[in-house]
Protein backbone atom coordinates (compact mmCIF):
# COMPACT_ATOMS: atom_id res chain seq x y z
CA UNK A 1 -13.30 5.09 40.99
CA UNK A 2 -12.94 6.70 37.11
CA UNK A 3 -14.74 4.95 34.33
CA UNK A 4 -13.54 4.76 31.04
CA UNK A 5 -15.19 6.44 27.98
CA UNK A 6 -17.53 3.33 26.59
CA UNK A 7 -17.17 4.02 23.11
CA UNK A 8 -20.14 2.91 20.52
CA UNK A 9 -17.52 3.02 17.25
CA UNK A 10 -15.24 0.19 16.83
CA UNK A 11 -11.90 1.70 16.22
CA UNK A 12 -10.66 0.74 12.86
CA UNK A 13 -7.34 1.58 13.12
CA UNK A 14 -6.87 -1.83 15.13
CA UNK A 15 -6.82 -3.71 11.96
CA UNK A 16 -3.57 -5.00 9.88
CA UNK A 17 -1.51 -2.81 8.02
CA UNK A 18 0.42 -3.70 5.02
CA UNK A 19 3.96 -2.60 4.84
CA UNK A 20 4.11 -0.99 1.17
CA UNK A 21 6.40 1.47 -0.93
CA UNK A 22 4.04 2.91 -3.28
CA UNK A 23 3.80 5.84 -5.10
CA UNK A 24 0.46 7.40 -6.89
CA UNK A 25 -1.35 10.76 -7.46
CA UNK A 26 -4.06 12.48 -5.01
CA UNK A 27 -6.35 15.04 -6.00
CA UNK A 28 -6.74 17.62 -3.81
CA UNK A 29 -9.67 20.36 -3.93
CA UNK A 30 -7.44 23.18 -3.27
CA UNK A 31 -4.25 21.91 -4.44
CA UNK A 32 -5.10 20.23 -7.44
CA UNK A 33 -2.97 16.95 -8.29
CA UNK A 34 -0.30 16.59 -5.70
CA UNK A 35 2.16 13.06 -5.59
CA UNK A 36 1.87 10.55 -2.79
CA UNK A 37 4.03 8.17 -1.18
CA UNK A 38 2.01 5.80 0.43
CA UNK A 39 3.59 3.85 3.12
CA UNK A 40 1.33 1.22 4.48
CA UNK A 41 -2.64 0.11 3.73
CA UNK A 42 -5.36 -1.19 4.91
CA UNK A 43 -9.06 -2.07 3.96
CA UNK A 44 -9.96 1.08 5.65
CA UNK A 45 -7.10 3.62 5.01
CA UNK A 46 -3.67 4.14 4.65
CA UNK A 47 -0.37 6.26 5.43
CA UNK A 48 1.88 8.29 3.35
CA UNK A 49 4.99 10.33 4.09
CA UNK A 50 6.59 13.49 2.77
CA UNK A 51 2.67 14.77 3.64
CA UNK A 52 3.59 18.47 4.00
CA UNK A 53 0.98 20.87 3.21
CA UNK A 54 -1.90 18.48 4.05
CA UNK A 55 -3.86 18.57 7.08
CA UNK A 56 -6.66 17.09 9.07
CA UNK A 57 -9.83 17.27 7.43
CA UNK A 58 -8.37 17.09 3.87
CA UNK A 59 -9.94 14.87 1.04
CA UNK A 60 -7.67 13.60 -1.16
CA UNK A 61 -8.77 11.17 -4.07
CA UNK A 62 -6.11 8.39 -4.96
CA UNK A 63 -5.62 6.17 -7.40
CA UNK A 64 -5.08 2.50 -6.12
CA UNK A 65 -4.64 -0.79 -8.28
CA UNK A 66 -7.67 -2.90 -8.54
CA UNK A 67 -10.10 -0.76 -6.78
CA UNK A 68 -9.17 2.49 -8.72
CA UNK A 69 -9.87 6.46 -7.66
CA UNK A 70 -10.83 5.79 -3.94
CA UNK A 71 -11.52 8.93 -1.39
CA UNK A 72 -9.50 9.71 1.73
CA UNK A 73 -10.36 11.75 4.56
CA UNK A 74 -6.77 12.94 6.93
CA UNK A 75 -7.75 11.73 9.86
CA UNK A 76 -4.17 12.90 11.79
CA UNK A 77 -0.68 13.99 10.46
CA UNK A 78 2.51 14.46 12.46
CA UNK A 79 6.32 14.94 11.40
CA UNK A 80 5.90 14.91 8.00
CA UNK A 81 3.11 11.99 7.91
CA UNK A 82 -0.42 11.56 7.24
CA UNK A 83 -2.80 9.10 8.20
CA UNK A 84 -6.16 8.81 6.09
CA UNK A 85 -9.35 6.85 6.15
CA UNK A 86 -11.28 5.56 3.15
CA UNK A 87 -14.61 6.76 2.54
CA UNK A 88 -15.47 2.86 2.16
CA UNK A 89 -14.15 0.00 3.07
CA UNK A 90 -12.52 -2.25 0.73
CA UNK A 91 -13.84 -5.41 0.36
CA UNK A 92 -11.27 -8.74 1.49
CA UNK A 93 -10.73 -9.92 -1.89
CA UNK A 94 -9.87 -6.47 -3.16
CA UNK A 95 -8.05 -5.98 -0.63
CA UNK A 96 -5.61 -8.81 -1.15
CA UNK A 97 -5.39 -8.42 -5.06
CA UNK A 98 -4.25 -4.47 -4.30
CA UNK A 99 -1.65 -5.11 -2.02
CA UNK A 100 -0.27 -7.99 -4.58
CA UNK A 101 -0.57 -5.79 -6.96
CA UNK A 102 1.52 -3.30 -5.11
CA UNK A 103 4.00 -5.85 -4.32
CA UNK A 104 7.48 -5.59 -6.68
CA UNK A 105 7.61 -6.99 -9.73
CA UNK A 106 3.76 -6.67 -10.39
CA UNK A 107 4.32 -3.03 -12.63
CA UNK A 108 2.65 -0.63 -10.50
CA UNK A 109 4.28 2.15 -9.46
CA UNK A 110 7.50 2.26 -6.80
CA UNK A 111 8.60 5.05 -4.85
CA UNK A 112 12.37 6.28 -6.39
C-alpha cells in the first residue's frame, strides 16, 4: 500500500478567495514599477492576470487599500496569470476593510 506524504505545513491556499477587479502598482526589484491587475485576494495572497514577465520566486511590493505596501512572493505562473503569497498574513479585520475598499463605488482604482 502506498502512503501519502505527510505535510507539516498547512496549505494556506485552501482559504476563501475574494474575487476583485483591482488595478494597482507593484515595485519589482529588477523591472521597477509595474502595473498589476488583481483578480482575487485572500488574507494569505493574491492572483494577478496580465502577469507577463513575472517568474516564480519574484518578489513584488504591492499597494493595497487599508494594509498599504505589502510584499508578495510569486508562488506560480501559468497562462499569463501569477499567484503571490503575502510576506505576512493580513489580519481578519484589516482584510474585511480591504475587500470593502476594493468594491465598486469605494473610490479604489478599478481595472479598465
